[in-house]
N, C-alpha and C. Protein backbone atom coordinates (compact mmCIF):
# COMPACT_ATOMS: atom_id res chain seq x y z
N MET A 1 81.83 142.04 40.69
CA MET A 1 82.12 141.55 42.02
C MET A 1 83.47 140.83 42.06
N GLY A 2 84.35 141.16 41.14
CA GLY A 2 85.66 140.53 41.10
C GLY A 2 86.56 140.95 42.23
N TYR A 3 86.29 142.08 42.82
CA TYR A 3 87.15 142.56 43.91
C TYR A 3 86.96 141.75 45.18
N LEU A 4 85.85 141.04 45.33
CA LEU A 4 85.60 140.28 46.54
C LEU A 4 86.58 139.14 46.73
N LYS A 5 87.11 138.59 45.63
CA LYS A 5 88.06 137.50 45.80
C LYS A 5 89.41 138.00 46.31
N TYR A 6 89.66 139.29 46.23
CA TYR A 6 90.91 139.85 46.75
C TYR A 6 90.77 140.42 48.15
N THR A 7 89.56 140.71 48.59
CA THR A 7 89.38 141.28 49.92
C THR A 7 89.66 140.28 51.03
N GLN A 8 89.66 139.00 50.72
CA GLN A 8 89.94 138.01 51.76
C GLN A 8 91.37 138.14 52.28
N TYR A 9 92.26 138.67 51.47
CA TYR A 9 93.66 138.78 51.90
C TYR A 9 93.86 139.92 52.90
N ILE A 10 92.89 140.79 53.02
CA ILE A 10 92.96 141.83 54.05
C ILE A 10 92.91 141.19 55.44
N TYR A 11 92.16 140.09 55.56
CA TYR A 11 92.10 139.38 56.83
C TYR A 11 93.46 138.81 57.23
N ILE A 12 94.23 138.35 56.26
CA ILE A 12 95.58 137.86 56.56
C ILE A 12 96.45 139.01 57.07
N LEU A 13 96.33 140.17 56.45
CA LEU A 13 97.11 141.33 56.90
C LEU A 13 96.74 141.71 58.33
N PHE A 14 95.42 141.70 58.64
CA PHE A 14 94.99 141.99 60.01
C PHE A 14 95.56 140.96 60.98
N ALA A 15 95.53 139.69 60.61
CA ALA A 15 96.04 138.64 61.49
C ALA A 15 97.53 138.84 61.78
N VAL A 16 98.29 139.13 60.73
CA VAL A 16 99.73 139.34 60.92
C VAL A 16 99.97 140.55 61.82
N PHE A 17 99.23 141.62 61.59
CA PHE A 17 99.39 142.81 62.41
C PHE A 17 99.07 142.52 63.88
N PHE A 18 97.96 141.83 64.14
CA PHE A 18 97.59 141.58 65.53
C PHE A 18 98.51 140.57 66.21
N ILE A 19 99.05 139.62 65.47
CA ILE A 19 100.03 138.70 66.05
C ILE A 19 101.30 139.46 66.41
N TYR A 20 101.73 140.33 65.51
CA TYR A 20 102.91 141.16 65.80
C TYR A 20 102.68 142.04 67.03
N ASP A 21 101.52 142.67 67.08
CA ASP A 21 101.21 143.55 68.20
C ASP A 21 101.12 142.76 69.51
N ALA A 22 100.57 141.55 69.44
CA ALA A 22 100.46 140.73 70.65
C ALA A 22 101.84 140.32 71.16
N ILE A 23 102.74 139.99 70.25
CA ILE A 23 104.09 139.60 70.67
C ILE A 23 104.81 140.79 71.29
N ILE A 24 104.65 141.97 70.71
CA ILE A 24 105.26 143.17 71.29
C ILE A 24 104.71 143.42 72.68
N LYS A 25 103.39 143.33 72.84
CA LYS A 25 102.78 143.58 74.15
C LYS A 25 103.17 142.51 75.16
N MET A 26 103.34 141.28 74.71
CA MET A 26 103.73 140.20 75.59
C MET A 26 105.16 140.44 76.12
N ASN A 27 106.04 140.92 75.25
CA ASN A 27 107.41 141.20 75.68
C ASN A 27 107.51 142.41 76.59
N GLU A 28 106.57 143.35 76.45
CA GLU A 28 106.56 144.53 77.31
C GLU A 28 105.95 144.24 78.68
N GLY A 29 105.27 143.11 78.81
CA GLY A 29 104.65 142.77 80.07
C GLY A 29 103.21 143.23 80.18
N ASP A 30 102.63 143.67 79.10
CA ASP A 30 101.23 144.10 79.10
C ASP A 30 100.34 142.86 79.19
N GLU A 31 99.33 142.91 80.03
CA GLU A 31 98.48 141.75 80.25
C GLU A 31 97.35 141.62 79.24
N SER A 32 97.24 142.53 78.28
CA SER A 32 96.15 142.47 77.33
C SER A 32 96.51 141.72 76.05
N TYR A 33 97.66 141.07 76.01
CA TYR A 33 98.10 140.41 74.78
C TYR A 33 97.22 139.23 74.36
N PRO A 34 96.58 138.47 75.27
CA PRO A 34 95.73 137.37 74.78
C PRO A 34 94.57 137.87 73.92
N PHE A 35 94.09 139.05 74.19
CA PHE A 35 93.00 139.63 73.40
C PHE A 35 93.43 139.80 71.94
N TYR A 36 94.67 140.19 71.72
CA TYR A 36 95.17 140.38 70.36
C TYR A 36 95.34 139.05 69.63
N PHE A 37 95.71 138.01 70.37
CA PHE A 37 95.78 136.69 69.76
C PHE A 37 94.39 136.20 69.36
N VAL A 38 93.38 136.51 70.17
CA VAL A 38 92.01 136.12 69.84
C VAL A 38 91.55 136.83 68.57
N ILE A 39 91.83 138.12 68.47
CA ILE A 39 91.44 138.87 67.27
C ILE A 39 92.18 138.32 66.05
N ALA A 40 93.44 137.96 66.20
CA ALA A 40 94.20 137.38 65.08
C ALA A 40 93.60 136.04 64.68
N GLY A 41 93.19 135.25 65.65
CA GLY A 41 92.53 133.97 65.35
C GLY A 41 91.22 134.17 64.61
N MET A 42 90.46 135.18 65.01
CA MET A 42 89.21 135.48 64.32
C MET A 42 89.47 135.94 62.89
N ALA A 43 90.52 136.70 62.68
CA ALA A 43 90.86 137.16 61.33
C ALA A 43 91.26 135.98 60.45
N LEU A 44 92.02 135.03 61.01
CA LEU A 44 92.38 133.84 60.25
C LEU A 44 91.15 132.99 59.92
N PHE A 45 90.25 132.88 60.89
CA PHE A 45 89.00 132.15 60.64
C PHE A 45 88.22 132.80 59.51
N MET A 46 88.12 134.12 59.54
CA MET A 46 87.39 134.82 58.48
C MET A 46 88.06 134.64 57.13
N PHE A 47 89.39 134.60 57.08
CA PHE A 47 90.09 134.37 55.82
C PHE A 47 89.70 133.02 55.24
N PHE A 48 89.77 131.96 56.05
CA PHE A 48 89.45 130.64 55.53
C PHE A 48 87.96 130.49 55.23
N PHE A 49 87.11 131.16 56.01
CA PHE A 49 85.68 131.12 55.74
C PHE A 49 85.37 131.79 54.41
N ARG A 50 85.94 132.97 54.17
CA ARG A 50 85.71 133.68 52.91
C ARG A 50 86.28 132.90 51.73
N GLN A 51 87.44 132.30 51.92
CA GLN A 51 88.05 131.52 50.85
C GLN A 51 87.17 130.34 50.47
N ARG A 52 86.64 129.66 51.46
CA ARG A 52 85.75 128.53 51.19
C ARG A 52 84.46 129.00 50.52
N PHE A 53 83.93 130.11 50.96
CA PHE A 53 82.70 130.65 50.39
C PHE A 53 82.90 131.03 48.92
N ILE A 54 84.03 131.66 48.61
CA ILE A 54 84.32 132.06 47.22
C ILE A 54 84.52 130.83 46.35
N ASN A 55 85.21 129.81 46.88
CA ASN A 55 85.40 128.58 46.11
C ASN A 55 84.07 127.88 45.85
N LYS A 56 83.18 127.93 46.82
CA LYS A 56 81.87 127.31 46.65
C LYS A 56 81.06 128.05 45.58
N GLN A 57 81.16 129.36 45.55
CA GLN A 57 80.46 130.14 44.52
C GLN A 57 81.03 129.84 43.15
N ASN A 58 82.34 129.68 43.04
CA ASN A 58 82.96 129.36 41.75
C ASN A 58 82.53 128.00 41.24
N ARG A 59 82.38 127.02 42.15
CA ARG A 59 81.92 125.70 41.73
C ARG A 59 80.49 125.73 41.24
N ASN A 60 79.66 126.56 41.89
CA ASN A 60 78.26 126.67 41.47
C ASN A 60 78.12 127.36 40.13
N LYS A 61 79.00 128.29 39.81
CA LYS A 61 78.94 129.00 38.53
C LYS A 61 79.33 128.07 37.38
N LYS A 62 80.25 127.13 37.63
CA LYS A 62 80.73 126.25 36.57
C LYS A 62 79.70 125.20 36.19
N GLN A 63 78.78 124.89 37.08
CA GLN A 63 77.80 123.84 36.80
C GLN A 63 76.66 124.33 35.98
């Protein structure tokens, strides 16, 4: 299960992509750009949630 500690970084990539896409849509005048910021926020939340979960599992293994 060593690959799980690296999958959290996929959420960062999704967040960067959706922030970029939201900025492009905002400059084009598309009204759907807030939705992309929400998805980027959710991706960032999932990154920090997974990171905390993995750190908690590592602490439990050491004890």
